[in-house]
Amino acid sequence: MMHQLLAEFLSTALMIIFGVGVHADTILNNTKYHGSGHLFAITTWGFGISIALFIFGGVSMNPAMVVAQAILGNIAWVNVIPYSIAEVLGGMVGSIIIYFMYADQFKASEGDIDPIVIRNIFSTSPAIRNLPRNFFVEGFATFVFLTGIMAIARFDATPGVVPIGVGLLVWAIGMGLGGPTGFAMNLARDMGPRLAHRVLPIADKAPSDWKYAILVPGIAPFVGAIAAAFFAKYFLGI
């Protein structure tokens, strides 16, 4: 139990180090890759998740996936909350590490970059705020994401297929479905970094926007996870 909790914590932290790190790299002033764009960022997210899976193996890194696995009987329900807390804390710690790494760049960006843009280094936000549609986008993207992972996992006897396949899946979803909301698909991916943004000594902080955070990247992924679990069980036979 403790080993798995630590694996969920560490793998989520590493995923966020890559993901929040690439956003810091592309947005903040005086970085090597400032302005590199969304393709650079989405590719780093995909590769980063692959690396985390290569290192830590059978981890969820996502409370929505934990719930889906519990529905399928692969994880005991009693473990859902502890795993989810470990993942959120991992997301928070990973974000704090990135802040320390880019502290000079955060300082150099004060007063020059919109505080909301700074907040969005850490957490997701919609391109156009329409909460019902944003909720649908996150729920549907999570359904595709988790269904894809469970389908890919059927080929886990072949070394390397699952980490590489999941990375490609993240890349495809980010490019095809990520535009409306930033494709969180994961409470830990959004909530952990959002909490880090709230507590870190960042100047002129934008509001945390908890209404959006709780409804869209908070609740919608669990709706997608439930749909994915039943689809995987009754249609794919997983």
Protein backbone atom coordinates (compact mmCIF):
# COMPACT_ATOMS: atom_id res chain seq x y z
CA MET A 1 0.00 0.00 0.00
CA MET A 2 2.69 2.52 1.01
CA HIS A 3 4.80 1.63 -2.00
CA GLN A 4 1.88 2.24 -4.36
CA LEU A 5 0.99 5.52 -2.65
CA LEU A 6 4.58 6.67 -3.04
CA ALA A 7 4.58 5.57 -6.68
CA GLU A 8 1.39 7.57 -7.35
CA PHE A 9 2.87 10.60 -5.59
CA LEU A 10 6.23 10.46 -7.39
CA SER A 11 4.88 9.64 -10.84
CA THR A 12 2.33 12.46 -10.69
CA ALA A 13 5.00 14.86 -9.46
CA LEU A 14 7.24 13.90 -12.38
CA MET A 15 4.39 14.26 -14.89
CA ILE A 16 3.73 17.77 -13.56
CA ILE A 17 7.42 18.66 -13.56
CA PHE A 18 7.43 18.01 -17.30
CA GLY A 19 4.02 19.59 -17.94
CA VAL A 20 4.12 22.70 -15.77
CA GLY A 21 7.81 22.99 -16.62
CA VAL A 22 7.15 23.24 -20.35
CA HIS A 23 4.49 25.89 -19.79
CA ALA A 24 6.91 27.90 -17.66
CA ASP A 25 9.54 27.45 -20.36
CA THR A 26 7.31 28.69 -23.17
CA ILE A 27 5.56 31.54 -21.33
CA LEU A 28 8.00 33.18 -18.90
CA ASN A 29 10.51 35.81 -19.90
CA ASN A 30 14.20 34.97 -20.29
CA THR A 31 13.88 31.22 -20.82
CA LYS A 32 15.69 29.31 -23.54
CA TYR A 33 12.47 28.27 -25.30
CA HIS A 34 10.18 31.24 -24.74
CA GLY A 35 7.33 31.34 -27.25
CA SER A 36 7.85 27.82 -28.58
CA GLY A 37 4.09 27.25 -28.79
CA HIS A 38 1.44 24.63 -28.21
CA LEU A 39 3.03 21.83 -30.28
CA PHE A 40 6.17 22.07 -28.16
CA ALA A 41 4.07 22.00 -24.97
CA ILE A 42 1.72 19.16 -25.92
CA THR A 43 4.60 17.00 -27.14
CA THR A 44 6.39 17.50 -23.83
CA TRP A 45 3.26 16.49 -21.91
CA GLY A 46 2.99 13.29 -23.96
CA PHE A 47 6.66 12.37 -23.67
CA GLY A 48 6.70 13.27 -19.97
CA ILE A 49 3.82 10.93 -19.21
CA SER A 50 5.57 8.17 -21.16
CA ILE A 51 8.73 8.64 -19.10
CA ALA A 52 6.76 8.56 -15.83
CA LEU A 53 5.14 5.29 -16.91
CA PHE A 54 8.50 3.78 -17.91
CA ILE A 55 9.91 4.60 -14.48
CA PHE A 56 6.96 3.79 -12.22
CA GLY A 57 5.02 1.18 -14.20
CA GLY A 58 1.47 0.43 -13.13
CA VAL A 59 0.39 3.82 -11.81
CA SER A 60 -2.73 5.85 -12.49
CA MET A 61 -1.45 9.43 -11.92
CA ASN A 62 -5.11 10.41 -12.15
CA PRO A 63 -7.98 10.09 -9.65
CA ALA A 64 -10.40 9.55 -12.55
CA MET A 65 -8.41 6.49 -13.65
CA VAL A 66 -8.37 5.28 -10.04
CA VAL A 67 -12.18 5.41 -10.00
CA ALA A 68 -12.39 3.64 -13.36
CA GLN A 69 -10.12 0.87 -12.10
CA ALA A 70 -12.19 0.55 -8.92
CA ILE A 71 -15.36 0.14 -11.00
CA LEU A 72 -13.62 -2.62 -12.96
CA GLY A 73 -12.49 -4.32 -9.74
CA ASN A 74 -8.78 -3.73 -10.30
CA ILE A 75 -8.40 -1.38 -7.30
CA ALA A 76 -10.16 -1.70 -3.95
CA TRP A 77 -12.60 1.14 -3.33
CA VAL A 78 -10.96 1.80 0.04
CA ASN A 79 -7.82 2.87 -1.86
CA VAL A 80 -9.51 5.44 -4.09
CA ILE A 81 -9.23 8.40 -1.71
CA PRO A 82 -5.65 7.68 -0.50
CA TYR A 83 -4.40 7.23 -4.08
CA SER A 84 -6.17 10.41 -5.19
CA ILE A 85 -4.73 12.44 -2.31
CA ALA A 86 -1.23 11.15 -3.10
CA GLU A 87 -1.68 12.21 -6.73
CA VAL A 88 -2.93 15.70 -5.87
CA LEU A 89 -0.02 16.17 -3.45
CA GLY A 90 2.36 14.94 -6.14
CA GLY A 91 0.96 17.53 -8.54
CA MET A 92 1.42 20.24 -5.93
CA VAL A 93 5.00 19.26 -5.08
CA GLY A 94 5.96 18.93 -8.75
CA SER A 95 4.70 22.47 -9.34
CA ILE A 96 6.65 23.82 -6.38
CA ILE A 97 9.82 22.24 -7.77
CA ILE A 98 9.22 23.97 -11.11
CA TYR A 99 8.67 27.30 -9.37
CA PHE A 100 12.04 26.91 -7.64
CA MET A 101 13.73 26.02 -10.94
CA TYR A 102 12.19 29.00 -12.77
CA ALA A 103 12.17 31.48 -9.86
CA ASP A 104 14.42 33.93 -11.71
CA GLN A 105 12.16 33.80 -14.75
CA PHE A 106 9.03 34.32 -12.62
CA LYS A 107 10.75 37.38 -11.15
CA ALA A 108 11.71 38.65 -14.61
CA SER A 109 8.09 38.31 -15.74
CA GLU A 110 6.52 40.33 -12.91
CA GLY A 111 4.45 43.22 -14.26
CA ASP A 112 5.04 42.12 -17.85
CA ILE A 113 2.90 38.98 -18.20
CA ASP A 114 -0.81 38.90 -17.36
CA PRO A 115 -1.38 37.27 -13.95
CA ILE A 116 -4.00 34.97 -15.49
CA VAL A 117 -1.42 33.76 -17.99
CA ILE A 118 0.95 33.10 -15.07
CA ARG A 119 -1.81 31.14 -13.29
CA ASN A 120 -2.36 29.15 -16.47
CA ILE A 121 1.23 27.92 -16.33
CA PHE A 122 0.00 25.83 -13.41
CA SER A 123 -3.66 25.08 -14.09
CA THR A 124 -6.10 24.87 -16.98
CA SER A 125 -8.69 27.38 -18.11
CA PRO A 126 -11.12 27.53 -21.03
CA ALA A 127 -10.43 29.43 -24.22
CA ILE A 128 -14.09 30.52 -24.13
CA ARG A 129 -15.85 30.26 -20.78
CA ASN A 130 -19.04 28.26 -21.27
CA LEU A 131 -19.27 25.99 -18.24
CA PRO A 132 -21.76 23.41 -19.61
CA ARG A 133 -19.76 23.03 -22.81
CA ASN A 134 -16.44 23.11 -20.94
CA PHE A 135 -17.80 20.34 -18.68
CA PHE A 136 -18.78 18.24 -21.71
CA VAL A 137 -15.37 18.74 -23.35
CA GLU A 138 -13.48 17.60 -20.25
CA GLY A 139 -15.82 14.68 -19.64
CA PHE A 140 -15.66 13.49 -23.25
CA ALA A 141 -11.89 13.96 -23.50
CA THR A 142 -11.46 11.94 -20.31
CA PHE A 143 -13.72 9.21 -21.70
CA VAL A 144 -11.54 8.97 -24.83
CA PHE A 145 -8.35 9.17 -22.78
CA LEU A 146 -9.17 6.47 -20.25
CA THR A 147 -10.80 4.18 -22.80
CA GLY A 148 -7.69 4.54 -24.93
CA ILE A 149 -5.39 3.72 -22.02
CA MET A 150 -7.36 0.62 -21.10
CA ALA A 151 -7.36 -0.54 -24.71
CA ILE A 152 -3.61 0.04 -25.03
CA ALA A 153 -2.99 -1.82 -21.76
CA ARG A 154 -4.26 -5.03 -23.35
CA PHE A 155 -0.92 -5.14 -25.18
CA ASP A 156 1.18 -4.81 -22.03
CA ALA A 157 2.97 -8.11 -22.74
CA THR A 158 4.97 -6.24 -25.38
CA PRO A 159 7.66 -4.13 -23.65
CA GLY A 160 7.27 -0.40 -24.14
CA VAL A 161 3.87 -0.44 -25.82
CA VAL A 162 1.89 1.01 -22.91
CA PRO A 163 4.13 4.01 -22.05
CA ILE A 164 4.67 4.92 -25.70
CA GLY A 165 1.03 4.32 -26.61
CA VAL A 166 -0.24 6.47 -23.73
CA GLY A 167 2.17 9.25 -24.68
CA LEU A 168 0.89 9.20 -28.28
CA LEU A 169 -2.68 9.19 -26.97
CA VAL A 170 -2.00 12.29 -24.87
CA TRP A 171 -0.40 13.96 -27.90
CA ALA A 172 -3.41 13.19 -30.11
CA ILE A 173 -5.99 14.29 -27.54
CA GLY A 174 -4.07 17.48 -26.86
CA MET A 175 -3.95 18.35 -30.54
CA GLY A 176 -7.50 17.30 -31.40
CA LEU A 177 -9.51 17.96 -28.24
CA GLY A 178 -7.35 20.25 -26.13
CA GLY A 179 -8.23 23.62 -27.63
CA PRO A 180 -11.44 24.43 -25.71
CA THR A 181 -10.22 23.72 -22.15
CA GLY A 182 -6.56 22.73 -22.15
CA PHE A 183 -7.42 19.03 -21.65
CA ALA A 184 -6.83 18.49 -17.92
CA MET A 185 -8.75 15.17 -17.80
CA ASN A 186 -7.34 14.78 -14.32
CA LEU A 187 -8.18 16.35 -10.95
CA ALA A 188 -4.58 15.94 -9.76
CA ARG A 189 -3.14 17.58 -12.88
CA ASP A 190 -5.22 20.72 -12.27
CA MET A 191 -5.87 20.86 -8.52
CA GLY A 192 -2.34 20.12 -7.33
CA PRO A 193 -0.70 22.84 -9.45
CA ARG A 194 -3.58 25.25 -8.76
CA LEU A 195 -3.00 24.81 -5.01
CA ALA A 196 0.72 25.36 -5.55
CA HIS A 197 0.00 28.60 -7.39
CA ARG A 198 -2.17 29.70 -4.47
CA VAL A 199 0.55 29.18 -1.84
CA LEU A 200 3.68 30.16 -3.77
CA PRO A 201 5.12 33.69 -3.37
CA ILE A 202 4.11 34.83 -6.86
CA ALA A 203 3.52 38.58 -7.24
CA ASP A 204 0.11 39.97 -8.30
CA LYS A 205 -1.66 36.61 -8.35
CA ALA A 206 -4.81 36.12 -10.36
CA PRO A 207 -7.78 34.58 -8.48
CA SER A 208 -7.68 30.79 -8.38
CA ASP A 209 -11.13 30.45 -10.07
CA TRP A 210 -12.30 27.59 -7.85
CA LYS A 211 -15.75 27.53 -9.45
CA TYR A 212 -14.24 26.44 -12.75
CA ALA A 213 -11.63 24.26 -11.06
CA ILE A 214 -14.12 22.20 -9.08
CA LEU A 215 -16.72 21.85 -11.80
CA VAL A 216 -14.73 21.27 -14.99
CA PRO A 217 -11.30 19.68 -14.28
CA GLY A 218 -12.61 18.56 -10.87
CA ILE A 219 -15.89 16.75 -11.51
CA ALA A 220 -16.12 16.25 -15.29
CA PRO A 221 -13.22 13.75 -15.49
CA PHE A 222 -15.02 11.43 -13.07
CA VAL A 223 -18.09 11.44 -15.31
CA GLY A 224 -15.85 10.50 -18.24
CA ALA A 225 -14.16 7.85 -16.10
CA ILE A 226 -17.44 6.17 -15.19
CA ALA A 227 -18.49 6.11 -18.85
CA ALA A 228 -15.07 4.75 -19.88
CA ALA A 229 -15.19 1.97 -17.28
CA PHE A 230 -18.60 0.74 -18.42
CA PHE A 231 -17.66 1.04 -22.11
CA ALA A 232 -14.45 -0.90 -21.50
CA LYS A 233 -16.27 -3.60 -19.56
CA TYR A 234 -19.37 -4.11 -21.66
CA PHE A 235 -18.18 -3.19 -25.17
CA LEU A 236 -14.46 -3.92 -25.19
CA GLY A 237 -14.74 -6.82 -22.75
CA ILE A 238 -11.91 -5.57 -20.54
